[in-house]
Amino acid sequence: MAPRPVYVASAEEDRWCDPRGEFLAAKNAEPVYALFGKPGLGVDDQPTVNHPVGAFIGYHIRTGVHNVTEYDWEQYINFADKHFKPVVQKLK
């Protein structure tokens, strides 16, 4: 995946998906991104609920259960805009 942007999302009540493990997977990908000169999450500990973090590796944990919510989509779109909107603008 590296050095492409990647986003990981969790829900605090979704124990089957292991929110802590999802965060650790993103965190432990940072050294590979660093090989390409790309920043990762930029945090050492799992962020608080509803507080997205990251640069080329993005992550959030939100309130609720297993689902994809409007909040999730807002974060995905914000992350995509940060990485892909400049590319699209150059093509115009």
PDB file of N, CA and C in Angstrom:
ATOM      1  N   MET A   1       0.815  -1.183   0.000  1.00  0.00           N
ATOM      2  CA  MET A   1       0.000   0.000   0.000  1.00  0.00           C
ATOM      3  C   MET A   1       0.866   1.258   0.000  1.00  0.00           C
ATOM      4  N   ALA A   2       1.916   1.271   0.813  1.00  0.00           N
ATOM      5  CA  ALA A   2       2.770   2.457   0.911  1.00  0.00           C
ATOM      6  C   ALA A   2       3.448   2.704  -0.430  1.00  0.00           C
ATOM      7  N   PRO A   3       3.575   3.921  -0.834  1.00  0.00           N
ATOM      8  CA  PRO A   3       3.340   5.171  -0.107  1.00  0.00           C
ATOM      9  C   PRO A   3       1.986   5.805  -0.388  1.00  0.00           C
ATOM     10  N   ARG A   4       1.014   5.028  -0.851  1.00  0.00           N
ATOM     11  CA  ARG A   4      -0.307   5.590  -1.148  1.00  0.00           C
ATOM     12  C   ARG A   4      -1.049   5.939   0.138  1.00  0.00           C
ATOM     13  N   PRO A   5      -1.899   6.955   0.088  1.00  0.00           N
ATOM     14  CA  PRO A   5      -2.712   7.288   1.264  1.00  0.00           C
ATOM     15  C   PRO A   5      -3.665   6.141   1.612  1.00  0.00           C
ATOM     16  N   VAL A   6      -3.830   5.890   2.889  1.00  0.00           N
ATOM     17  CA  VAL A   6      -4.760   4.860   3.362  1.00  0.00           C
ATOM     18  C   VAL A   6      -5.453   5.385   4.610  1.00  0.00           C
ATOM     19  N   TYR A   7      -6.723   5.037   4.753  1.00  0.00           N
ATOM     20  CA  TYR A   7      -7.507   5.506   5.895  1.00  0.00           C
ATOM     21  C   TYR A   7      -8.132   4.311   6.597  1.00  0.00           C
ATOM     22  N   VAL A   8      -8.032   4.271   7.917  1.00  0.00           N
ATOM     23  CA  VAL A   8      -8.596   3.206   8.737  1.00  0.00           C
ATOM     24  C   VAL A   8      -9.585   3.836   9.702  1.00  0.00           C
ATOM     25  N   ALA A   9     -10.754   3.220   9.846  1.00  0.00           N
ATOM     26  CA  ALA A   9     -11.779   3.741  10.747  1.00  0.00           C
ATOM     27  C   ALA A   9     -12.283   2.632  11.664  1.00  0.00           C
ATOM     28  N   SER A  10     -12.593   3.024  12.887  1.00  0.00           N
ATOM     29  CA  SER A  10     -13.096   2.092  13.895  1.00  0.00           C
ATOM     30  C   SER A  10     -14.303   2.689  14.597  1.00  0.00           C
ATOM     31  N   ALA A  11     -15.032   1.832  15.285  1.00  0.00           N
ATOM     32  CA  ALA A  11     -16.136   2.280  16.140  1.00  0.00           C
ATOM     33  C   ALA A  11     -15.889   1.721  17.543  1.00  0.00           C
ATOM     34  N   GLU A  12     -16.073   2.563  18.550  1.00  0.00           N
ATOM     35  CA  GLU A  12     -15.673   2.165  19.899  1.00  0.00           C
ATOM     36  C   GLU A  12     -16.440   0.967  20.443  1.00  0.00           C
ATOM     37  N   GLU A  13     -17.647   0.717  19.975  1.00  0.00           N
ATOM     38  CA  GLU A  13     -18.421  -0.428  20.463  1.00  0.00           C
ATOM     39  C   GLU A  13     -18.347  -1.625  19.523  1.00  0.00           C
ATOM     40  N   ASP A  14     -17.510  -1.567  18.503  1.00  0.00           N
ATOM     41  CA  ASP A  14     -17.374  -2.655  17.531  1.00  0.00           C
ATOM     42  C   ASP A  14     -16.230  -3.573  17.953  1.00  0.00           C
ATOM     43  N   ARG A  15     -16.477  -4.379  18.953  1.00  0.00           N
ATOM     44  CA  ARG A  15     -15.431  -5.247  19.502  1.00  0.00           C
ATOM     45  C   ARG A  15     -15.030  -6.360  18.550  1.00  0.00           C
ATOM     46  N   TRP A  16     -15.911  -6.785  17.651  1.00  0.00           N
ATOM     47  CA  TRP A  16     -15.571  -7.840  16.711  1.00  0.00           C
ATOM     48  C   TRP A  16     -14.500  -7.390  15.733  1.00  0.00           C
ATOM     49  N   CYS A  17     -14.437  -6.108  15.459  1.00  0.00           N
ATOM     50  CA  CYS A  17     -13.434  -5.593  14.514  1.00  0.00           C
ATOM     51  C   CYS A  17     -12.163  -5.138  15.213  1.00  0.00           C
ATOM     52  N   ASP A  18     -12.120  -5.183  16.529  1.00  0.00           N
ATOM     53  CA  ASP A  18     -10.910  -4.888  17.293  1.00  0.00           C
ATOM     54  C   ASP A  18     -10.363  -3.484  17.013  1.00  0.00           C
ATOM     55  N   PRO A  19     -11.040  -2.441  17.504  1.00  0.00           N
ATOM     56  CA  PRO A  19     -10.577  -1.076  17.270  1.00  0.00           C
ATOM     57  C   PRO A  19      -9.125  -0.840  17.671  1.00  0.00           C
ATOM     58  N   ARG A  20      -8.683  -1.431  18.757  1.00  0.00           N
ATOM     59  CA  ARG A  20      -7.290  -1.248  19.181  1.00  0.00           C
ATOM     60  C   ARG A  20      -6.335  -1.863  18.158  1.00  0.00           C
ATOM     61  N   GLY A  21      -6.664  -3.051  17.685  1.00  0.00           N
ATOM     62  CA  GLY A  21      -5.849  -3.707  16.676  1.00  0.00           C
ATOM     63  C   GLY A  21      -5.827  -2.946  15.360  1.00  0.00           C
ATOM     64  N   GLU A  22      -6.954  -2.347  14.988  1.00  0.00           N
ATOM     65  CA  GLU A  22      -6.989  -1.546  13.760  1.00  0.00           C
ATOM     66  C   GLU A  22      -6.065  -0.343  13.890  1.00  0.00           C
ATOM     67  N   PHE A  23      -6.102   0.312  15.056  1.00  0.00           N
ATOM     68  CA  PHE A  23      -5.197   1.439  15.276  1.00  0.00           C
ATOM     69  C   PHE A  23      -3.742   0.972  15.218  1.00  0.00           C
ATOM     70  N   LEU A  24      -3.438  -0.131  15.897  1.00  0.00           N
ATOM     71  CA  LEU A  24      -2.057  -0.616  15.927  1.00  0.00           C
ATOM     72  C   LEU A  24      -1.565  -1.020  14.534  1.00  0.00           C
ATOM     73  N   ALA A  25      -2.435  -1.556  13.705  1.00  0.00           N
ATOM     74  CA  ALA A  25      -2.052  -1.900  12.340  1.00  0.00           C
ATOM     75  C   ALA A  25      -1.642  -0.642  11.574  1.00  0.00           C
ATOM     76  N   ALA A  26      -2.433   0.412  11.716  1.00  0.00           N
ATOM     77  CA  ALA A  26      -2.096   1.683  11.058  1.00  0.00           C
ATOM     78  C   ALA A  26      -0.803   2.258  11.637  1.00  0.00           C
ATOM     79  N   LYS A  27      -0.676   2.225  12.944  1.00  0.00           N
ATOM     80  CA  LYS A  27       0.512   2.765  13.611  1.00  0.00           C
ATOM     81  C   LYS A  27       1.775   2.017  13.178  1.00  0.00           C
ATOM     82  N   ASN A  28       1.686   0.709  13.088  1.00  0.00           N
ATOM     83  CA  ASN A  28       2.858  -0.088  12.741  1.00  0.00           C
ATOM     84  C   ASN A  28       3.197  -0.067  11.248  1.00  0.00           C
ATOM     85  N   ALA A  29       2.359   0.585  10.452  1.00  0.00           N
ATOM     86  CA  ALA A  29       2.688   0.799   9.038  1.00  0.00           C
ATOM     87  C   ALA A  29       3.559   2.035   8.852  1.00  0.00           C
ATOM     88  N   GLU A  30       3.668   2.867   9.886  1.00  0.00           N
ATOM     89  CA  GLU A  30       4.433   4.113   9.776  1.00  0.00           C
ATOM     90  C   GLU A  30       5.874   3.927   9.311  1.00  0.00           C
ATOM     91  N   PRO A  31       6.628   2.943   9.798  1.00  0.00           N
ATOM     92  CA  PRO A  31       8.017   2.811   9.336  1.00  0.00           C
ATOM     93  C   PRO A  31       8.139   2.589   7.826  1.00  0.00           C
ATOM     94  N   VAL A  32       7.183   1.904   7.240  1.00  0.00           N
ATOM     95  CA  VAL A  32       7.218   1.681   5.798  1.00  0.00           C
ATOM     96  C   VAL A  32       6.958   2.995   5.068  1.00  0.00           C
ATOM     97  N   TYR A  33       5.997   3.764   5.543  1.00  0.00           N
ATOM     98  CA  TYR A  33       5.729   5.071   4.935  1.00  0.00           C
ATOM     99  C   TYR A  33       6.943   5.988   5.093  1.00  0.00           C
ATOM    100  N   ALA A  34       7.616   5.891   6.217  1.00  0.00           N
ATOM    101  CA  ALA A  34       8.810   6.709   6.454  1.00  0.00           C
ATOM    102  C   ALA A  34       9.905   6.391   5.437  1.00  0.00           C
ATOM    103  N   LEU A  35      10.005   5.147   4.983  1.00  0.00           N
ATOM    104  CA  LEU A  35      10.984   4.784   3.953  1.00  0.00           C
ATOM    105  C   LEU A  35      10.767   5.588   2.675  1.00  0.00           C
ATOM    106  N   PHE A  36       9.524   5.970   2.438  1.00  0.00           N
ATOM    107  CA  PHE A  36       9.169   6.752   1.254  1.00  0.00           C
ATOM    108  C   PHE A  36       9.107   8.246   1.559  1.00  0.00           C
ATOM    109  N   GLY A  37       9.497   8.632   2.771  1.00  0.00           N
ATOM    110  CA  GLY A  37       9.471  10.038   3.151  1.00  0.00           C
ATOM    111  C   GLY A  37       8.080  10.575   3.419  1.00  0.00           C
ATOM    112  N   LYS A  38       7.152   9.698   3.728  1.00  0.00           N
ATOM    113  CA  LYS A  38       5.769  10.101   3.973  1.00  0.00           C
ATOM    114  C   LYS A  38       5.442  10.017   5.463  1.00  0.00           C
ATOM    115  N   PRO A  39       4.738  11.008   5.991  1.00  0.00           N
ATOM    116  CA  PRO A  39       4.335  10.962   7.397  1.00  0.00           C
ATOM    117  C   PRO A  39       3.177   9.990   7.600  1.00  0.00           C
ATOM    118  N   GLY A  40       3.090   9.447   8.793  1.00  0.00           N
ATOM    119  CA  GLY A  40       2.030   8.491   9.106  1.00  0.00           C
ATOM    120  C   GLY A  40       0.916   9.113   9.914  1.00  0.00           C
ATOM    121  N   LEU A  41       0.629   8.506  11.053  1.00  0.00           N
ATOM    122  CA  LEU A  41      -0.462   8.981  11.904  1.00  0.00           C
ATOM    123  C   LEU A  41      -0.108  10.242  12.676  1.00  0.00           C
ATOM    124  N   GLY A  42       1.142  10.354  13.079  1.00  0.00           N
ATOM    125  CA  GLY A  42       1.554  11.531  13.826  1.00  0.00           C
ATOM    126  C   GLY A  42       1.169  11.515  15.292  1.00  0.00           C
ATOM    127  N   VAL A  43       0.728  10.367  15.794  1.00  0.00           N
ATOM    128  CA  VAL A  43       0.394  10.219  17.211  1.00  0.00           C
ATOM    129  C   VAL A  43       0.978   8.907  17.713  1.00  0.00           C
ATOM    130  N   ASP A  44       1.239   8.840  19.001  1.00  0.00           N
ATOM    131  CA  ASP A  44       1.754   7.603  19.585  1.00  0.00           C
ATOM    132  C   ASP A  44       0.648   6.730  20.164  1.00  0.00           C
ATOM    133  N   ASP A  45      -0.412   7.359  20.622  1.00  0.00           N
ATOM    134  CA  ASP A  45      -1.506   6.629  21.262  1.00  0.00           C
ATOM    135  C   ASP A  45      -2.787   6.774  20.453  1.00  0.00           C
ATOM    136  N   GLN A  46      -3.670   5.797  20.617  1.00  0.00           N
ATOM    137  CA  GLN A  46      -4.961   5.845  19.943  1.00  0.00           C
ATOM    138  C   GLN A  46      -5.675   7.148  20.306  1.00  0.00           C
ATOM    139  N   PRO A  47      -6.165   7.881  19.301  1.00  0.00           N
ATOM    140  CA  PRO A  47      -6.809   9.164  19.595  1.00  0.00           C
ATOM    141  C   PRO A  47      -8.139   8.981  20.322  1.00  0.00           C
ATOM    142  N   THR A  48      -8.598  10.068  20.894  1.00  0.00           N
ATOM    143  CA  THR A  48      -9.909  10.031  21.539  1.00  0.00           C
ATOM    144  C   THR A  48     -10.989   9.859  20.478  1.00  0.00           C
ATOM    145  N   VAL A  49     -12.148   9.460  20.918  1.00  0.00           N
ATOM    146  CA  VAL A  49     -13.278   9.219  20.031  1.00  0.00           C
ATOM    147  C   VAL A  49     -13.630  10.506  19.286  1.00  0.00           C
ATOM    148  N   ASN A  50     -13.924  10.341  18.004  1.00  0.00           N
ATOM    149  CA  ASN A  50     -14.345  11.438  17.118  1.00  0.00           C
ATOM    150  C   ASN A  50     -13.276  12.509  16.950  1.00  0.00           C
ATOM    151  N   HIS A  51     -12.011  12.084  16.937  1.00  0.00           N
ATOM    152  CA  HIS A  51     -10.891  13.003  16.728  1.00  0.00           C
ATOM    153  C   HIS A  51      -9.952  12.387  15.688  1.00  0.00           C
ATOM    154  N   PRO A  52     -10.217  12.611  14.375  1.00  0.00           N
ATOM    155  CA  PRO A  52      -9.390  12.008  13.333  1.00  0.00           C
ATOM    156  C   PRO A  52      -7.944  12.504  13.378  1.00  0.00           C
ATOM    157  N   VAL A  53      -7.023  11.622  13.012  1.00  0.00           N
ATOM    158  CA  VAL A  53      -5.598  11.955  12.991  1.00  0.00           C
ATOM    159  C   VAL A  53      -4.987  11.414  11.706  1.00  0.00           C
ATOM    160  N   GLY A  54      -3.779  11.893  11.421  1.00  0.00           N
ATOM    161  CA  GLY A  54      -2.995  11.281  10.367  1.00  0.00           C
ATOM    162  C   GLY A  54      -2.722  12.153   9.176  1.00  0.00           C
ATOM    163  N   ALA A  55      -1.725  11.705   8.417  1.00  0.00           N
ATOM    164  CA  ALA A  55      -1.309  12.388   7.200  1.00  0.00           C
ATOM    165  C   ALA A  55      -1.521  11.437   6.019  1.00  0.00           C
ATOM    166  N   PHE A  56      -0.526  10.616   5.696  1.00  0.00           N
ATOM    167  CA  PHE A  56      -0.707   9.638   4.623  1.00  0.00           C
ATOM    168  C   PHE A  56      -1.387   8.375   5.129  1.00  0.00           C
ATOM    169  N   ILE A  57      -1.341   8.162   6.435  1.00  0.00           N
ATOM    170  CA  ILE A  57      -2.145   7.133   7.090  1.00  0.00           C
ATOM    171  C   ILE A  57      -3.137   7.899   7.950  1.00  0.00           C
ATOM    172  N   GLY A  58      -4.409   7.749   7.670  1.00  0.00           N
ATOM    173  CA  GLY A  58      -5.437   8.435   8.447  1.00  0.00           C
ATOM    174  C   GLY A  58      -6.170   7.438   9.325  1.00  0.00           C
ATOM    175  N   TYR A  59      -6.697   7.928  10.437  1.00  0.00           N
ATOM    176  CA  TYR A  59      -7.415   7.045  11.362  1.00  0.00           C
ATOM    177  C   TYR A  59      -8.404   7.842  12.196  1.00  0.00           C
ATOM    178  N   HIS A  60      -9.542   7.221  12.459  1.00  0.00           N
ATOM    179  CA  HIS A  60     -10.442   7.735  13.494  1.00  0.00           C
ATOM    180  C   HIS A  60     -11.167   6.566  14.151  1.00  0.00           C
ATOM    181  N   ILE A  61     -11.556   6.809  15.386  1.00  0.00           N
ATOM    182  CA  ILE A  61     -12.478   5.919  16.091  1.00  0.00           C
ATOM    183  C   ILE A  61     -13.665   6.788  16.477  1.00  0.00           C
ATOM    184  N   ARG A  62     -14.838   6.309  16.189  1.00  0.00           N
ATOM    185  CA  ARG A  62     -16.037   7.107  16.463  1.00  0.00           C
ATOM    186  C   ARG A  62     -16.930   6.376  17.459  1.00  0.00           C
ATOM    187  N   THR A  63     -17.892   7.097  17.958  1.00  0.00           N
ATOM    188  CA  THR A  63     -18.879   6.491  18.840  1.00  0.00           C
ATOM    189  C   THR A  63     -19.733   5.526  18.025  1.00  0.00           C
ATOM    190  N   GLY A  64     -20.320   4.557  18.698  1.00  0.00           N
ATOM    191  CA  GLY A  64     -21.277   3.686  18.039  1.00  0.00           C
ATOM    192  C   GLY A  64     -20.777   2.273  17.808  1.00  0.00           C
ATOM    193  N   VAL A  65     -21.590   1.557  17.034  1.00  0.00           N
ATOM    194  CA  VAL A  65     -21.360   0.143  16.740  1.00  0.00           C
ATOM    195  C   VAL A  65     -20.900  -0.021  15.293  1.00  0.00           C
ATOM    196  N   HIS A  66     -20.724  -1.274  14.897  1.00  0.00           N
ATOM    197  CA  HIS A  66     -20.310  -1.598  13.531  1.00  0.00           C
ATOM    198  C   HIS A  66     -21.310  -1.014  12.537  1.00  0.00           C
ATOM    199  N   ASN A  67     -20.815  -0.124  11.692  1.00  0.00           N
ATOM    200  CA  ASN A  67     -21.657   0.552  10.717  1.00  0.00           C
ATOM    201  C   ASN A  67     -20.774   1.506   9.940  1.00  0.00           C
ATOM    202  N   VAL A  68     -21.287   2.075   8.878  1.00  0.00           N
ATOM    203  CA  VAL A  68     -20.640   3.193   8.195  1.00  0.00           C
ATOM    204  C   VAL A  68     -21.621   4.348   8.290  1.00  0.00           C
ATOM    205  N   THR A  69     -21.205   5.386   8.984  1.00  0.00           N
ATOM    206  CA  THR A  69     -22.102   6.495   9.287  1.00  0.00           C
ATOM    207  C   THR A  69     -21.747   7.737   8.475  1.00  0.00           C
ATOM    208  N   GLU A  70     -22.589   8.746   8.601  1.00  0.00           N
ATOM    209  CA  GLU A  70     -22.310  10.026   7.952  1.00  0.00           C
ATOM    210  C   GLU A  70     -20.973  10.588   8.439  1.00  0.00           C
ATOM    211  N   TYR A  71     -20.691  10.425   9.735  1.00  0.00           N
ATOM    212  CA  TYR A  71     -19.413  10.894  10.276  1.00  0.00           C
ATOM    213  C   TYR A  71     -18.243  10.217   9.573  1.00  0.00           C
ATOM    214  N   ASP A  72     -18.333   8.894   9.374  1.00  0.00           N
ATOM    215  CA  ASP A  72     -17.276   8.168   8.664  1.00  0.00           C
ATOM    216  C   ASP A  72     -17.082   8.747   7.266  1.00  0.00           C
ATOM    217  N   TRP A  73     -18.170   8.912   6.536  1.00  0.00           N
ATOM    218  CA  TRP A  73     -18.065   9.424   5.166  1.00  0.00           C
ATOM    219  C   TRP A  73     -17.449  10.818   5.132  1.00  0.00           C
ATOM    220  N   GLU A  74     -17.786  11.649   6.084  1.00  0.00           N
ATOM    221  CA  GLU A  74     -17.179  12.991   6.143  1.00  0.00           C
ATOM    222  C   GLU A  74     -15.663  12.889   6.288  1.00  0.00           C
ATOM    223  N   GLN A  75     -15.196  11.975   7.130  1.00  0.00           N
ATOM    224  CA  GLN A  75     -13.757  11.813   7.334  1.00  0.00           C
ATOM    225  C   GLN A  75     -13.085  11.254   6.085  1.00  0.00           C
ATOM    226  N   TYR A  76     -13.720  10.270   5.439  1.00  0.00           N
ATOM    227  CA  TYR A  76     -13.158   9.698   4.212  1.00  0.00           C
ATOM    228  C   TYR A  76     -13.033  10.763   3.124  1.00  0.00           C
ATOM    229  N   ILE A  77     -14.080  11.572   2.975  1.00  0.00           N
ATOM    230  CA  ILE A  77     -14.069  12.603   1.945  1.00  0.00           C
ATOM    231  C   ILE A  77     -13.034  13.676   2.261  1.00  0.00           C
ATOM    232  N   ASN A  78     -12.939  14.086   3.520  1.00  0.00           N
ATOM    233  CA  ASN A  78     -11.923  15.076   3.906  1.00  0.00           C
ATOM    234  C   ASN A  78     -10.520  14.555   3.600  1.00  0.00           C
ATOM    235  N   PHE A  79     -10.274  13.293   3.918  1.00  0.00           N
ATOM    236  CA  PHE A  79      -8.966  12.675   3.670  1.00  0.00           C
ATOM    237  C   PHE A  79      -8.693  12.594   2.168  1.00  0.00           C
ATOM    238  N   ALA A  80      -9.685  12.154   1.410  1.00  0.00           N
ATOM    239  CA  ALA A  80      -9.514  12.059  -0.048  1.00  0.00           C
ATOM    240  C   ALA A  80      -9.279  13.437  -0.659  1.00  0.00           C
ATOM    241  N   ASP A  81     -10.019  14.432  -0.205  1.00  0.00           N
ATOM    242  CA  ASP A  81      -9.822  15.793  -0.717  1.00  0.00           C
ATOM    243  C   ASP A  81      -8.404  16.280  -0.455  1.00  0.00           C
ATOM    244  N   LYS A  82      -7.896  15.982   0.719  1.00  0.00           N
ATOM    245  CA  LYS A  82      -6.541  16.420   1.074  1.00  0.00           C
ATOM    246  C   LYS A  82      -5.502  15.827   0.122  1.00  0.00           C
ATOM    247  N   HIS A  83      -5.720  14.590  -0.311  1.00  0.00           N
ATOM    248  CA  HIS A  83      -4.716  13.909  -1.126  1.00  0.00           C
ATOM    249  C   HIS A  83      -4.986  13.966  -2.624  1.00  0.00           C
ATOM    250  N   PHE A  84      -6.237  13.982  -3.015  1.00  0.00           N
ATOM    251  CA  PHE A  84      -6.537  13.855  -4.434  1.00  0.00           C
ATOM    252  C   PHE A  84      -7.061  15.123  -5.095  1.00  0.00           C
ATOM    253  N   LYS A  85      -7.625  16.038  -4.320  1.00  0.00           N
ATOM    254  CA  LYS A  85      -8.126  17.271  -4.898  1.00  0.00           C
ATOM    255  C   LYS A  85      -7.028  18.082  -5.591  1.00  0.00           C
ATOM    256  N   PRO A  86      -5.826  18.205  -4.993  1.00  0.00           N
ATOM    257  CA  PRO A  86      -4.753  18.923  -5.697  1.00  0.00           C
ATOM    258  C   PRO A  86      -4.371  18.272  -7.027  1.00  0.00           C
ATOM    259  N   VAL A  87      -4.428  16.961  -7.095  1.00  0.00           N
ATOM    260  CA  VAL A  87      -4.098  16.247  -8.328  1.00  0.00           C
ATOM    261  C   VAL A  87      -5.139  16.551  -9.385  1.00  0.00           C
ATOM    262  N   VAL A  88      -6.401  16.525  -9.018  1.00  0.00           N
ATOM    263  CA  VAL A  88      -7.486  16.806  -9.954  1.00  0.00           C
ATOM    264  C   VAL A  88      -7.381  18.252 -10.443  1.00  0.00           C
ATOM    265  N   GLN A  89      -7.057  19.174  -9.555  1.00  0.00           N
ATOM    266  CA  GLN A  89      -6.923  20.575  -9.946  1.00  0.00           C
ATOM    267  C   GLN A  89      -5.817  20.757 -10.982  1.00  0.00           C
ATOM    268  N   LYS A  90      -4.731  20.022 -10.837  1.00  0.00           N
ATOM    269  CA  LYS A  90      -3.626  20.114 -11.804  1.00  0.00           C
ATOM    270  C   LYS A  90      -4.034  19.619 -13.189  1.00  0.00           C
ATOM    271  N   LEU A  91      -4.952  18.663 -13.224  1.00  0.00           N
ATOM    272  CA  LEU A  91      -5.387  18.084 -14.498  1.00  0.00           C
ATOM    273  C   LEU A  91      -6.319  18.995 -15.263  1.00  0.00           C
ATOM    274  N   LYS A  92      -6.891  19.957 -14.607  1.00  0.00           N
ATOM    275  CA  LYS A  92      -7.865  20.850 -15.278  1.00  0.00           C
ATOM    276  C   LYS A  92      -7.180  21.879 -16.114  1.00  0.00           C
TER     277      LYS A  92
END
